[in-house]
N, C-alpha and C. Protein backbone atom coordinates (compact mmCIF):
# COMPACT_ATOMS: atom_id res chain seq x y z
N MET A 1 4.05 18.08 1.72
CA MET A 1 4.40 16.69 1.65
C MET A 1 3.11 15.89 1.63
N TYR A 2 3.07 14.96 0.67
CA TYR A 2 1.85 14.08 0.60
C TYR A 2 1.66 13.22 1.80
N VAL A 3 2.72 12.82 2.48
CA VAL A 3 2.60 11.97 3.70
C VAL A 3 1.91 12.76 4.78
N LYS A 4 2.24 14.01 4.92
CA LYS A 4 1.48 14.84 5.91
C LYS A 4 0.03 15.01 5.50
N ALA A 5 -0.21 15.15 4.20
CA ALA A 5 -1.63 15.29 3.79
C ALA A 5 -2.51 14.00 4.13
N LEU A 6 -1.83 12.77 3.97
CA LEU A 6 -2.51 11.57 4.29
C LEU A 6 -2.78 11.46 5.84
N ILE A 7 -1.75 11.82 6.52
CA ILE A 7 -1.93 11.72 8.03
C ILE A 7 -3.00 12.70 8.54
N LYS A 8 -3.21 13.85 7.91
CA LYS A 8 -4.20 14.80 8.29
C LYS A 8 -5.59 14.25 8.08
N VAL A 9 -5.74 13.33 7.07
CA VAL A 9 -7.10 12.74 6.84
C VAL A 9 -7.37 11.79 8.00
N THR A 10 -6.44 11.13 8.57
CA THR A 10 -6.72 10.19 9.62
C THR A 10 -6.88 10.99 11.03
N ASP A 11 -6.64 12.24 11.10
CA ASP A 11 -6.73 12.98 12.39
C ASP A 11 -8.20 12.99 12.87
N ARG A 12 -8.42 12.84 14.15
CA ARG A 12 -9.77 12.97 14.66
C ARG A 12 -10.12 14.50 14.78
N TYR A 13 -11.34 14.75 14.21
CA TYR A 13 -11.83 16.11 14.29
C TYR A 13 -12.60 16.38 15.50
N ALA A 14 -12.90 15.38 16.24
CA ALA A 14 -13.62 15.46 17.44
C ALA A 14 -13.04 14.46 18.51
N PRO A 15 -12.62 14.81 19.65
CA PRO A 15 -12.00 13.89 20.63
C PRO A 15 -12.72 12.62 20.87
N SER A 16 -14.12 12.69 20.76
CA SER A 16 -14.90 11.55 21.08
C SER A 16 -14.92 10.50 20.00
N ARG A 17 -14.53 10.89 18.71
CA ARG A 17 -14.69 10.02 17.58
C ARG A 17 -13.41 9.16 17.38
N THR A 18 -13.60 7.88 17.21
CA THR A 18 -12.53 6.93 16.96
C THR A 18 -12.41 6.72 15.39
N ILE A 19 -11.17 6.82 14.94
CA ILE A 19 -10.95 6.59 13.48
C ILE A 19 -10.75 5.13 13.28
N SER A 20 -11.54 4.52 12.41
CA SER A 20 -11.58 3.13 12.14
C SER A 20 -11.01 2.79 10.75
N PHE A 21 -10.42 3.78 10.12
CA PHE A 21 -9.72 3.44 8.79
C PHE A 21 -8.34 3.93 8.90
N ASP A 22 -7.49 3.43 7.88
CA ASP A 22 -5.96 3.64 8.03
C ASP A 22 -5.67 4.35 6.78
N VAL A 23 -4.35 4.76 6.70
CA VAL A 23 -3.78 5.53 5.57
C VAL A 23 -3.96 4.68 4.28
N VAL A 24 -3.81 3.38 4.43
CA VAL A 24 -3.99 2.52 3.25
C VAL A 24 -5.31 2.62 2.60
N HIS A 25 -6.32 2.79 3.42
CA HIS A 25 -7.70 2.89 2.96
C HIS A 25 -7.91 4.22 2.13
N ILE A 26 -7.19 5.28 2.59
CA ILE A 26 -7.16 6.50 1.80
C ILE A 26 -6.48 6.28 0.43
N PHE A 27 -5.36 5.72 0.40
CA PHE A 27 -4.74 5.41 -0.84
C PHE A 27 -5.65 4.58 -1.83
N LYS A 28 -6.16 3.50 -1.23
CA LYS A 28 -7.12 2.65 -2.10
C LYS A 28 -8.29 3.36 -2.57
N THR A 29 -8.81 4.29 -1.68
CA THR A 29 -9.98 5.11 -2.14
C THR A 29 -9.59 5.98 -3.41
N LEU A 30 -8.42 6.65 -3.31
CA LEU A 30 -7.97 7.45 -4.39
C LEU A 30 -7.64 6.75 -5.63
N GLN A 31 -7.14 5.53 -5.45
CA GLN A 31 -6.82 4.60 -6.47
C GLN A 31 -8.08 4.13 -7.25
N LEU A 32 -9.11 3.80 -6.53
CA LEU A 32 -10.32 3.44 -7.10
C LEU A 32 -11.06 4.59 -7.93
N ILE A 33 -11.01 5.85 -7.33
CA ILE A 33 -11.56 6.99 -8.07
C ILE A 33 -10.76 7.30 -9.33
N GLU A 34 -9.42 7.07 -9.24
CA GLU A 34 -8.60 7.29 -10.42
C GLU A 34 -8.88 6.39 -11.50
N ARG A 35 -9.13 5.07 -11.15
CA ARG A 35 -9.36 4.07 -12.15
C ARG A 35 -10.81 4.23 -12.75
N LYS A 36 -11.80 4.51 -11.98
CA LYS A 36 -13.19 4.46 -12.44
C LYS A 36 -13.74 5.92 -12.77
N GLY A 37 -13.05 6.93 -12.33
CA GLY A 37 -13.49 8.31 -12.47
C GLY A 37 -14.29 8.84 -11.42
N HIS A 38 -15.12 7.87 -10.85
CA HIS A 38 -15.92 8.20 -9.67
C HIS A 38 -16.37 6.93 -9.02
N VAL A 39 -16.61 6.88 -7.64
CA VAL A 39 -17.04 5.66 -7.04
C VAL A 39 -18.21 6.00 -6.06
N SER A 40 -19.04 5.00 -5.80
CA SER A 40 -20.08 5.09 -4.79
C SER A 40 -19.65 4.57 -3.50
N ARG A 41 -20.42 4.95 -2.47
CA ARG A 41 -20.04 4.41 -1.11
C ARG A 41 -20.16 2.90 -1.04
N ASP A 42 -21.07 2.33 -1.81
CA ASP A 42 -21.20 0.85 -1.87
C ASP A 42 -19.96 0.19 -2.35
N ILE A 43 -19.47 0.73 -3.42
CA ILE A 43 -18.23 0.23 -4.04
C ILE A 43 -17.11 0.27 -3.07
N LEU A 44 -16.91 1.42 -2.41
CA LEU A 44 -15.84 1.67 -1.45
C LEU A 44 -15.97 0.62 -0.20
N SER A 45 -17.17 0.40 0.11
CA SER A 45 -17.49 -0.47 1.28
C SER A 45 -16.94 -1.91 0.91
N ILE A 46 -17.28 -2.32 -0.35
CA ILE A 46 -16.93 -3.71 -0.80
C ILE A 46 -15.41 -3.76 -1.01
N GLU A 47 -14.84 -2.77 -1.64
CA GLU A 47 -13.39 -2.83 -2.03
C GLU A 47 -12.54 -2.74 -0.87
N LEU A 48 -12.92 -1.87 0.14
CA LEU A 48 -12.01 -1.59 1.25
C LEU A 48 -12.42 -2.55 2.48
N GLY A 49 -13.60 -3.25 2.30
CA GLY A 49 -13.92 -4.19 3.46
C GLY A 49 -14.29 -3.41 4.73
N LEU A 50 -14.80 -2.24 4.58
CA LEU A 50 -15.22 -1.33 5.69
C LEU A 50 -16.79 -1.23 5.66
N GLY A 51 -17.35 -0.96 6.80
CA GLY A 51 -18.75 -0.73 7.00
C GLY A 51 -19.21 0.64 6.45
N GLN A 52 -20.50 0.78 6.10
CA GLN A 52 -21.00 2.06 5.54
C GLN A 52 -20.69 3.23 6.50
N GLY A 53 -20.77 3.00 7.74
CA GLY A 53 -20.50 4.18 8.71
C GLY A 53 -19.13 4.63 8.61
N ILE A 54 -18.17 3.75 8.60
CA ILE A 54 -16.77 4.05 8.40
C ILE A 54 -16.44 4.76 7.09
N ILE A 55 -17.05 4.24 5.98
CA ILE A 55 -16.89 4.84 4.75
C ILE A 55 -17.39 6.26 4.74
N LYS A 56 -18.47 6.50 5.41
CA LYS A 56 -19.08 7.85 5.46
C LYS A 56 -18.08 8.83 6.19
N THR A 57 -17.50 8.27 7.27
CA THR A 57 -16.45 9.14 7.97
C THR A 57 -15.21 9.41 7.10
N LEU A 58 -14.78 8.35 6.41
CA LEU A 58 -13.60 8.48 5.51
C LEU A 58 -13.89 9.49 4.49
N ILE A 59 -15.05 9.42 3.81
CA ILE A 59 -15.35 10.44 2.77
C ILE A 59 -15.44 11.84 3.39
N LYS A 60 -15.98 11.94 4.60
CA LYS A 60 -16.10 13.31 5.28
C LYS A 60 -14.72 13.82 5.50
N HIS A 61 -13.76 13.00 5.95
CA HIS A 61 -12.40 13.48 6.24
C HIS A 61 -11.65 13.85 4.95
N LEU A 62 -11.83 13.06 3.88
CA LEU A 62 -11.16 13.40 2.61
C LEU A 62 -11.75 14.70 2.06
N LYS A 63 -13.05 14.98 2.27
CA LYS A 63 -13.63 16.21 1.78
C LYS A 63 -13.20 17.47 2.64
N MET A 64 -12.98 17.16 3.92
CA MET A 64 -12.51 18.24 4.81
C MET A 64 -11.03 18.63 4.39
N GLN A 65 -10.33 17.77 3.89
CA GLN A 65 -8.89 18.00 3.41
C GLN A 65 -8.93 18.43 1.91
N LYS A 66 -10.14 18.57 1.33
CA LYS A 66 -10.28 18.98 0.04
C LYS A 66 -9.64 18.16 -1.03
N MET A 67 -9.68 16.83 -0.69
CA MET A 67 -9.03 15.81 -1.65
C MET A 67 -10.09 15.16 -2.63
N ILE A 68 -11.34 15.28 -2.18
CA ILE A 68 -12.37 14.71 -3.04
C ILE A 68 -13.66 15.55 -2.95
N TYR A 69 -14.57 15.36 -3.79
CA TYR A 69 -15.86 16.01 -3.68
C TYR A 69 -16.91 15.03 -4.20
N THR A 70 -18.12 15.27 -3.82
CA THR A 70 -19.12 14.31 -4.19
C THR A 70 -20.23 14.89 -5.14
N THR A 71 -20.71 14.09 -6.10
CA THR A 71 -21.65 14.44 -7.04
C THR A 71 -22.85 13.46 -6.99
N ASN A 72 -23.79 13.62 -7.91
CA ASN A 72 -24.91 12.64 -7.92
C ASN A 72 -24.36 11.29 -8.49
N SER A 73 -23.38 11.31 -9.28
CA SER A 73 -22.84 10.03 -9.85
C SER A 73 -21.85 9.33 -8.92
N GLY A 74 -21.33 9.99 -7.85
CA GLY A 74 -20.40 9.41 -6.98
C GLY A 74 -19.35 10.40 -6.44
N THR A 75 -18.31 9.82 -5.84
CA THR A 75 -17.24 10.56 -5.34
C THR A 75 -16.09 10.73 -6.33
N LYS A 76 -15.58 11.95 -6.50
CA LYS A 76 -14.53 12.25 -7.41
C LYS A 76 -13.38 12.95 -6.76
N MET A 77 -12.16 12.96 -7.43
CA MET A 77 -10.97 13.55 -6.83
C MET A 77 -10.86 15.00 -7.26
N THR A 78 -10.40 15.82 -6.32
CA THR A 78 -10.16 17.29 -6.64
C THR A 78 -8.69 17.33 -7.22
N GLU A 79 -8.30 18.55 -7.71
CA GLU A 79 -6.94 18.66 -8.22
C GLU A 79 -5.84 18.36 -7.08
N LYS A 80 -6.22 18.75 -5.85
CA LYS A 80 -5.31 18.50 -4.77
C LYS A 80 -5.24 16.92 -4.53
N GLY A 81 -6.39 16.27 -4.65
CA GLY A 81 -6.36 14.77 -4.49
C GLY A 81 -5.58 14.12 -5.57
N LYS A 82 -5.69 14.63 -6.73
CA LYS A 82 -4.98 14.05 -7.91
C LYS A 82 -3.50 14.29 -7.73
N SER A 83 -3.06 15.39 -7.21
CA SER A 83 -1.69 15.72 -7.07
C SER A 83 -1.07 14.76 -6.00
N ILE A 84 -1.75 14.62 -4.86
CA ILE A 84 -1.28 13.71 -3.81
C ILE A 84 -1.18 12.28 -4.25
N PHE A 85 -2.18 11.82 -4.97
CA PHE A 85 -2.24 10.48 -5.55
C PHE A 85 -1.14 10.29 -6.56
N SER A 86 -0.81 11.24 -7.36
CA SER A 86 0.32 11.18 -8.28
C SER A 86 1.65 11.10 -7.66
N GLN A 87 1.81 11.84 -6.53
CA GLN A 87 3.06 11.70 -5.79
C GLN A 87 3.22 10.29 -5.18
N LEU A 88 2.13 9.73 -4.64
CA LEU A 88 2.21 8.39 -4.08
C LEU A 88 2.67 7.39 -5.13
N LEU A 89 2.09 7.59 -6.38
CA LEU A 89 2.32 6.63 -7.44
C LEU A 89 3.88 6.73 -7.84
N THR A 90 4.54 7.71 -7.65
CA THR A 90 5.91 7.79 -7.93
C THR A 90 6.79 6.82 -7.02
N SER A 91 6.24 6.56 -5.88
CA SER A 91 6.88 5.60 -4.94
C SER A 91 6.39 4.25 -5.00
N MET A 92 5.01 4.09 -5.42
CA MET A 92 4.43 2.84 -5.50
C MET A 92 3.77 2.68 -6.89
N PRO A 93 4.50 2.56 -7.98
CA PRO A 93 3.96 2.69 -9.36
C PRO A 93 3.30 1.45 -9.87
N VAL A 94 3.70 0.23 -9.41
CA VAL A 94 3.16 -1.00 -9.97
C VAL A 94 2.83 -1.98 -8.86
N GLU A 95 1.86 -2.83 -9.19
CA GLU A 95 1.44 -3.85 -8.22
C GLU A 95 0.97 -5.06 -8.98
N MET A 96 0.80 -6.19 -8.34
CA MET A 96 0.45 -7.41 -9.05
C MET A 96 0.03 -8.52 -8.09
N ILE A 97 -0.80 -9.46 -8.56
CA ILE A 97 -1.08 -10.74 -7.81
C ILE A 97 0.04 -11.64 -8.20
N ILE A 98 0.49 -12.36 -7.18
CA ILE A 98 1.60 -13.48 -7.50
C ILE A 98 1.13 -14.77 -6.81
N PRO A 99 1.60 -15.91 -7.38
CA PRO A 99 1.23 -17.22 -6.80
C PRO A 99 1.97 -17.53 -5.51
N ARG A 100 1.40 -18.49 -4.85
CA ARG A 100 2.10 -18.90 -3.64
C ARG A 100 3.50 -19.41 -4.04
N CYS A 101 4.51 -19.17 -3.20
CA CYS A 101 5.84 -19.59 -3.36
C CYS A 101 6.59 -19.49 -2.07
N SER A 102 7.94 -19.62 -2.14
CA SER A 102 8.72 -19.67 -0.91
C SER A 102 8.68 -18.33 -0.18
N VAL A 103 8.43 -17.23 -0.93
CA VAL A 103 8.42 -15.97 -0.26
C VAL A 103 7.02 -15.27 -0.21
N ALA A 104 6.01 -16.06 -0.77
CA ALA A 104 4.66 -15.59 -0.76
C ALA A 104 3.91 -16.75 -0.06
N LEU A 105 3.58 -16.73 1.23
CA LEU A 105 3.17 -17.89 1.93
C LEU A 105 1.72 -18.10 2.12
N GLY A 106 0.91 -17.16 1.59
CA GLY A 106 -0.52 -17.19 1.77
C GLY A 106 -1.25 -17.86 0.63
N LYS A 107 -2.50 -18.14 0.82
CA LYS A 107 -3.28 -18.56 -0.39
C LYS A 107 -3.44 -17.43 -1.35
N PHE A 108 -3.57 -16.26 -0.86
CA PHE A 108 -3.62 -15.08 -1.69
C PHE A 108 -2.38 -14.19 -1.44
N ASN A 109 -1.69 -13.75 -2.53
CA ASN A 109 -0.48 -12.95 -2.33
C ASN A 109 -0.50 -11.78 -3.30
N TYR A 110 -0.02 -10.71 -2.85
CA TYR A 110 -0.13 -9.46 -3.60
C TYR A 110 1.20 -8.72 -3.44
N ALA A 111 1.80 -8.28 -4.61
CA ALA A 111 3.08 -7.63 -4.44
C ALA A 111 3.05 -6.15 -4.90
N VAL A 112 3.74 -5.30 -4.25
CA VAL A 112 3.82 -3.88 -4.55
C VAL A 112 5.29 -3.44 -4.73
N LEU A 113 5.49 -2.82 -5.82
CA LEU A 113 6.88 -2.28 -6.04
C LEU A 113 7.07 -0.92 -5.31
N LEU A 114 8.09 -0.84 -4.45
CA LEU A 114 8.36 0.39 -3.67
C LEU A 114 9.70 0.89 -4.25
N LYS A 115 9.58 2.02 -4.94
CA LYS A 115 10.79 2.63 -5.69
C LYS A 115 11.78 3.31 -4.70
N GLN A 116 12.95 2.91 -4.76
CA GLN A 116 14.10 3.66 -4.12
C GLN A 116 13.87 3.77 -2.58
N PHE A 117 13.47 2.72 -1.98
CA PHE A 117 13.33 2.81 -0.45
C PHE A 117 14.05 1.67 0.20
N ASN A 118 14.98 1.01 -0.42
CA ASN A 118 15.82 -0.03 0.23
C ASN A 118 16.38 0.48 1.52
N PHE A 119 16.85 1.76 1.50
CA PHE A 119 17.59 2.32 2.63
C PHE A 119 16.67 2.53 3.88
N ALA A 120 15.38 2.55 3.69
CA ALA A 120 14.36 2.77 4.79
C ALA A 120 13.96 1.49 5.45
N ILE A 121 14.38 0.37 4.86
CA ILE A 121 14.00 -0.91 5.37
C ILE A 121 15.05 -1.53 6.21
N LYS A 122 14.71 -1.97 7.38
CA LYS A 122 15.66 -2.53 8.25
C LYS A 122 15.66 -4.10 8.16
N SER A 123 14.84 -4.68 8.96
CA SER A 123 14.81 -6.21 8.95
C SER A 123 13.59 -6.80 8.23
N GLY A 124 12.57 -5.87 7.87
CA GLY A 124 11.37 -6.36 7.28
C GLY A 124 10.25 -6.62 8.32
N ILE A 125 10.60 -6.45 9.60
CA ILE A 125 9.60 -6.74 10.70
C ILE A 125 8.56 -5.67 10.68
N GLU A 126 8.99 -4.44 10.46
CA GLU A 126 7.99 -3.37 10.45
C GLU A 126 6.93 -3.52 9.32
N GLN A 127 7.38 -4.02 8.21
CA GLN A 127 6.50 -4.26 7.13
C GLN A 127 5.60 -5.48 7.42
N ARG A 128 6.14 -6.49 8.05
CA ARG A 128 5.22 -7.62 8.40
C ARG A 128 4.23 -7.17 9.44
N ASP A 129 4.62 -6.39 10.45
CA ASP A 129 3.69 -5.97 11.43
C ASP A 129 2.57 -5.08 10.87
N ALA A 130 2.90 -4.22 9.93
CA ALA A 130 1.89 -3.35 9.25
C ALA A 130 0.90 -4.29 8.57
N ALA A 131 1.32 -5.35 7.97
CA ALA A 131 0.38 -6.30 7.25
C ALA A 131 -0.47 -6.94 8.23
N ILE A 132 0.08 -7.42 9.28
CA ILE A 132 -0.70 -8.09 10.41
C ILE A 132 -1.76 -7.17 11.00
N LYS A 133 -1.35 -5.88 11.22
CA LYS A 133 -2.23 -4.89 11.69
C LYS A 133 -3.58 -4.72 10.85
N ILE A 134 -3.48 -4.90 9.52
CA ILE A 134 -4.47 -4.74 8.58
C ILE A 134 -5.43 -6.00 8.69
N GLY A 135 -4.81 -7.13 9.23
CA GLY A 135 -5.69 -8.31 9.36
C GLY A 135 -5.16 -9.50 8.55
N ALA A 136 -3.94 -9.24 7.84
CA ALA A 136 -3.42 -10.28 6.91
C ALA A 136 -2.53 -11.21 7.64
N LYS A 137 -2.10 -12.28 7.01
CA LYS A 137 -1.22 -13.20 7.56
C LYS A 137 0.20 -12.73 7.84
N GLY A 138 0.59 -11.80 6.90
CA GLY A 138 1.92 -11.16 7.05
C GLY A 138 2.46 -10.50 5.77
N ALA A 139 3.67 -10.22 5.72
CA ALA A 139 4.23 -9.63 4.54
C ALA A 139 5.70 -9.92 4.45
N THR A 140 6.15 -10.13 3.21
CA THR A 140 7.55 -10.45 2.95
C THR A 140 8.19 -9.33 2.21
N THR A 141 9.40 -8.81 2.60
CA THR A 141 10.07 -7.72 1.95
C THR A 141 11.27 -8.29 1.20
N LEU A 142 11.37 -7.90 -0.10
CA LEU A 142 12.57 -8.21 -0.86
C LEU A 142 13.26 -6.99 -1.35
N LEU A 143 14.60 -6.96 -1.22
CA LEU A 143 15.31 -5.84 -1.66
C LEU A 143 16.02 -6.14 -2.99
N TYR A 144 16.11 -5.26 -3.92
CA TYR A 144 16.67 -5.49 -5.21
C TYR A 144 18.03 -4.82 -5.12
N LYS A 145 19.07 -5.72 -5.19
CA LYS A 145 20.42 -5.27 -5.08
C LYS A 145 21.39 -6.19 -5.88
N ASP A 146 22.30 -5.55 -6.59
CA ASP A 146 23.22 -6.32 -7.46
C ASP A 146 22.48 -7.29 -8.50
N ALA A 147 21.41 -6.84 -8.95
CA ALA A 147 20.62 -7.54 -10.00
C ALA A 147 19.96 -8.83 -9.42
N LYS A 148 19.71 -8.90 -8.10
CA LYS A 148 19.06 -9.96 -7.49
C LYS A 148 18.22 -9.54 -6.33
N PHE A 149 17.33 -10.46 -5.94
CA PHE A 149 16.51 -10.18 -4.76
C PHE A 149 17.15 -10.76 -3.51
N ILE A 150 17.16 -9.93 -2.47
CA ILE A 150 17.70 -10.46 -1.22
C ILE A 150 16.73 -10.13 -0.04
N MET A 151 16.88 -10.75 1.06
CA MET A 151 16.17 -10.53 2.26
C MET A 151 16.85 -9.43 3.12
N PRO A 152 16.06 -8.52 3.74
CA PRO A 152 16.63 -7.52 4.53
C PRO A 152 17.44 -8.02 5.80
N SER A 153 16.93 -9.15 6.24
CA SER A 153 17.59 -9.82 7.40
C SER A 153 18.85 -10.61 7.09
N ASN A 154 19.04 -10.85 5.74
CA ASN A 154 20.24 -11.66 5.34
C ASN A 154 20.63 -11.18 3.96
N MET A 155 21.57 -10.18 3.89
CA MET A 155 21.91 -9.58 2.69
C MET A 155 22.63 -10.43 1.73
N THR A 156 23.00 -11.63 2.10
CA THR A 156 23.75 -12.52 1.16
C THR A 156 22.82 -13.74 0.65
N TYR A 157 21.64 -13.74 1.24
CA TYR A 157 20.74 -14.90 0.80
C TYR A 157 19.79 -14.39 -0.30
N ASP A 158 19.74 -15.21 -1.35
CA ASP A 158 18.84 -14.98 -2.47
C ASP A 158 17.68 -15.96 -2.35
N PRO A 159 16.54 -15.48 -1.86
CA PRO A 159 15.37 -16.39 -1.61
C PRO A 159 14.67 -16.95 -2.84
N LEU A 160 15.06 -16.39 -3.98
CA LEU A 160 14.37 -16.84 -5.29
C LEU A 160 15.33 -17.61 -6.09
N ARG A 161 16.46 -18.01 -5.57
CA ARG A 161 17.47 -18.77 -6.36
C ARG A 161 16.93 -20.04 -6.89
N LYS A 162 16.04 -20.66 -6.16
CA LYS A 162 15.42 -21.89 -6.54
C LYS A 162 14.06 -21.75 -7.24
N GLU A 163 13.65 -20.50 -7.40
CA GLU A 163 12.33 -20.20 -8.06
C GLU A 163 12.52 -19.20 -9.08
N PRO A 164 13.14 -19.57 -10.23
CA PRO A 164 13.42 -18.61 -11.35
C PRO A 164 12.15 -18.06 -12.01
N GLN A 165 11.07 -18.85 -11.95
CA GLN A 165 9.80 -18.40 -12.59
C GLN A 165 9.26 -17.22 -11.75
N ILE A 166 9.36 -17.17 -10.50
CA ILE A 166 8.90 -16.09 -9.63
C ILE A 166 9.75 -14.84 -9.85
N ARG A 167 11.09 -15.12 -9.88
CA ARG A 167 12.08 -14.06 -10.17
C ARG A 167 11.78 -13.39 -11.48
N THR A 168 11.52 -14.24 -12.57
CA THR A 168 11.31 -13.71 -13.90
C THR A 168 9.98 -12.87 -13.90
N LEU A 169 8.98 -13.38 -13.18
CA LEU A 169 7.61 -12.72 -13.11
C LEU A 169 7.78 -11.34 -12.51
N LEU A 170 8.61 -11.27 -11.43
CA LEU A 170 8.73 -9.98 -10.73
C LEU A 170 9.56 -8.98 -11.69
N ILE A 171 10.52 -9.47 -12.24
CA ILE A 171 11.50 -8.56 -13.02
C ILE A 171 10.62 -8.13 -14.30
N GLU A 172 9.87 -8.96 -14.87
CA GLU A 172 9.11 -8.51 -16.10
C GLU A 172 7.94 -7.60 -15.74
N ARG A 173 7.30 -7.88 -14.64
CA ARG A 173 6.06 -7.00 -14.27
C ARG A 173 6.54 -5.68 -13.71
N PHE A 174 7.68 -5.64 -12.95
CA PHE A 174 8.17 -4.49 -12.36
C PHE A 174 9.27 -3.75 -13.18
N TYR A 175 9.33 -4.13 -14.38
CA TYR A 175 10.45 -3.54 -15.28
C TYR A 175 10.24 -1.97 -15.40
N PRO A 176 11.35 -1.19 -15.26
CA PRO A 176 12.67 -1.62 -14.98
C PRO A 176 13.00 -1.52 -13.51
N LEU A 177 13.36 -2.68 -12.97
CA LEU A 177 13.78 -2.65 -11.58
C LEU A 177 15.20 -2.02 -11.54
N GLU A 178 15.42 -1.28 -10.47
CA GLU A 178 16.60 -0.54 -10.22
C GLU A 178 17.19 -0.78 -8.95
N GLU A 179 18.51 -0.64 -8.81
CA GLU A 179 19.26 -0.73 -7.54
C GLU A 179 18.58 0.19 -6.52
N GLY A 180 18.13 -0.32 -5.35
CA GLY A 180 17.47 0.43 -4.42
C GLY A 180 15.99 0.31 -4.28
N ASP A 181 15.49 -0.49 -5.28
CA ASP A 181 14.03 -0.79 -5.15
C ASP A 181 13.75 -1.87 -4.20
N ALA A 182 12.49 -1.96 -3.82
CA ALA A 182 12.02 -3.03 -2.95
C ALA A 182 10.70 -3.52 -3.47
N VAL A 183 10.46 -4.83 -3.12
CA VAL A 183 9.14 -5.50 -3.42
C VAL A 183 8.52 -5.95 -2.11
N ILE A 184 7.34 -5.55 -1.81
CA ILE A 184 6.59 -6.01 -0.59
C ILE A 184 5.50 -6.89 -0.98
N ILE A 185 5.37 -8.07 -0.37
CA ILE A 185 4.43 -8.96 -0.72
C ILE A 185 3.56 -9.25 0.51
N GLY A 186 2.31 -8.89 0.35
CA GLY A 186 1.26 -9.10 1.46
C GLY A 186 0.64 -10.44 1.18
N SER A 187 0.43 -11.25 2.25
CA SER A 187 -0.17 -12.62 2.18
C SER A 187 -1.29 -12.83 3.12
N ASP A 188 -2.28 -13.49 2.64
CA ASP A 188 -3.43 -13.85 3.47
C ASP A 188 -4.09 -15.16 3.02
N ASP A 189 -4.62 -15.86 3.89
CA ASP A 189 -5.27 -17.14 3.49
C ASP A 189 -6.79 -17.14 3.23
N ILE A 190 -7.36 -15.88 3.52
CA ILE A 190 -8.81 -15.81 3.42
C ILE A 190 -9.15 -14.89 2.26
N SER A 191 -8.49 -13.72 2.16
CA SER A 191 -8.92 -12.72 1.14
C SER A 191 -7.88 -12.16 0.41
N ARG A 192 -8.09 -12.07 -0.98
CA ARG A 192 -7.18 -11.42 -1.85
C ARG A 192 -7.12 -9.87 -1.57
N LYS A 193 -8.25 -9.31 -1.28
CA LYS A 193 -8.33 -7.87 -0.90
C LYS A 193 -7.40 -7.55 0.32
N THR A 194 -7.51 -8.44 1.27
CA THR A 194 -6.66 -8.24 2.58
C THR A 194 -5.16 -8.31 2.24
N ALA A 195 -4.87 -9.30 1.36
CA ALA A 195 -3.37 -9.39 0.96
C ALA A 195 -2.97 -8.13 0.17
N GLU A 196 -3.80 -7.61 -0.59
CA GLU A 196 -3.57 -6.38 -1.33
C GLU A 196 -3.32 -5.19 -0.45
N LEU A 197 -4.30 -4.98 0.47
CA LEU A 197 -4.23 -3.91 1.45
C LEU A 197 -2.99 -4.02 2.37
N ALA A 198 -2.60 -5.32 2.70
CA ALA A 198 -1.44 -5.56 3.57
C ALA A 198 -0.18 -5.12 2.86
N ALA A 199 0.00 -5.39 1.55
CA ALA A 199 1.18 -5.00 0.73
C ALA A 199 1.27 -3.43 0.68
N LYS A 200 0.14 -2.79 0.44
CA LYS A 200 0.13 -1.38 0.23
C LYS A 200 0.36 -0.77 1.59
N SER A 201 -0.24 -1.30 2.63
CA SER A 201 -0.09 -0.73 3.95
C SER A 201 1.43 -0.73 4.44
N ALA A 202 2.00 -1.87 4.13
CA ALA A 202 3.46 -2.07 4.48
C ALA A 202 4.31 -1.11 3.74
N ALA A 203 3.97 -0.88 2.47
CA ALA A 203 4.79 0.08 1.65
C ALA A 203 4.58 1.49 2.13
N ILE A 204 3.34 1.86 2.46
CA ILE A 204 3.04 3.25 2.88
C ILE A 204 3.69 3.49 4.26
N ILE A 205 3.63 2.48 5.13
CA ILE A 205 4.26 2.59 6.44
C ILE A 205 5.83 2.91 6.31
N THR A 206 6.42 2.19 5.28
CA THR A 206 7.86 2.39 5.06
C THR A 206 8.08 3.83 4.55
N ILE A 207 7.29 4.37 3.78
CA ILE A 207 7.48 5.73 3.27
C ILE A 207 7.19 6.70 4.39
N MET A 208 6.12 6.51 5.13
CA MET A 208 5.80 7.34 6.25
C MET A 208 6.82 7.43 7.35
N GLY A 209 7.43 6.21 7.63
CA GLY A 209 8.54 6.14 8.60
C GLY A 209 9.73 6.98 8.20
N HIS A 210 10.05 6.92 6.97
CA HIS A 210 11.22 7.68 6.51
C HIS A 210 10.87 9.18 6.53
N GLU A 211 9.73 9.51 6.07
CA GLU A 211 9.33 10.98 6.03
C GLU A 211 9.20 11.54 7.39
N LYS A 212 8.63 10.83 8.33
CA LYS A 212 8.57 11.28 9.80
C LYS A 212 9.93 11.57 10.37
N HIS A 213 10.84 10.64 10.06
CA HIS A 213 12.18 10.73 10.63
C HIS A 213 12.90 11.97 10.02
N ASN A 214 12.68 12.31 8.82
CA ASN A 214 13.39 13.36 8.10
C ASN A 214 12.74 14.70 8.18
N HIS A 215 11.35 14.74 8.32
CA HIS A 215 10.71 16.06 8.17
C HIS A 215 9.87 16.50 9.36
N PHE A 216 9.43 15.57 10.26
CA PHE A 216 8.54 15.93 11.35
C PHE A 216 9.33 16.46 12.52
């Protein structure tokens, strides 16, 4: 299971060492490598918002799990890393920046499509808390049901009823939306990268929570 593989990367290999990166940083690292072919520590530090020491530890842990390898040109993914990343993308295939609106309350807002995970979302509080833990303002979760977006805490309320342009934007960018899909929007007033990590972290926490419940 790719969830177990991600969790193993965050395991401490020595009791005295504190892990200062999260599963979302692992996903973003693999995503950057996939997009660029290879990345340097400097790029990772900038994109993840983590210090060089933490990046060094993150790379070491990924190498220990045989998900990446390093060359003179930078860090690349192994076949195992590519397989795990590919599995993650089946659940989180599309993402986008969205403007401030009634459901995206930060100066910077970032949305992630979470495929077929409506059933794993309760009130949306877990997703909000995951975003706050990353350092963001919060996260909003929308469920796609009966061809409209609804809030987990109020299954009859359509929060985009008065914002058709946002509804159209989500439907077009995340096409084809299906019954059972969810959209998680991370929000922050200071950094777009934080909003992005917040949305991805909330999505991954949702996946991990379901997998832990069923397989651990």
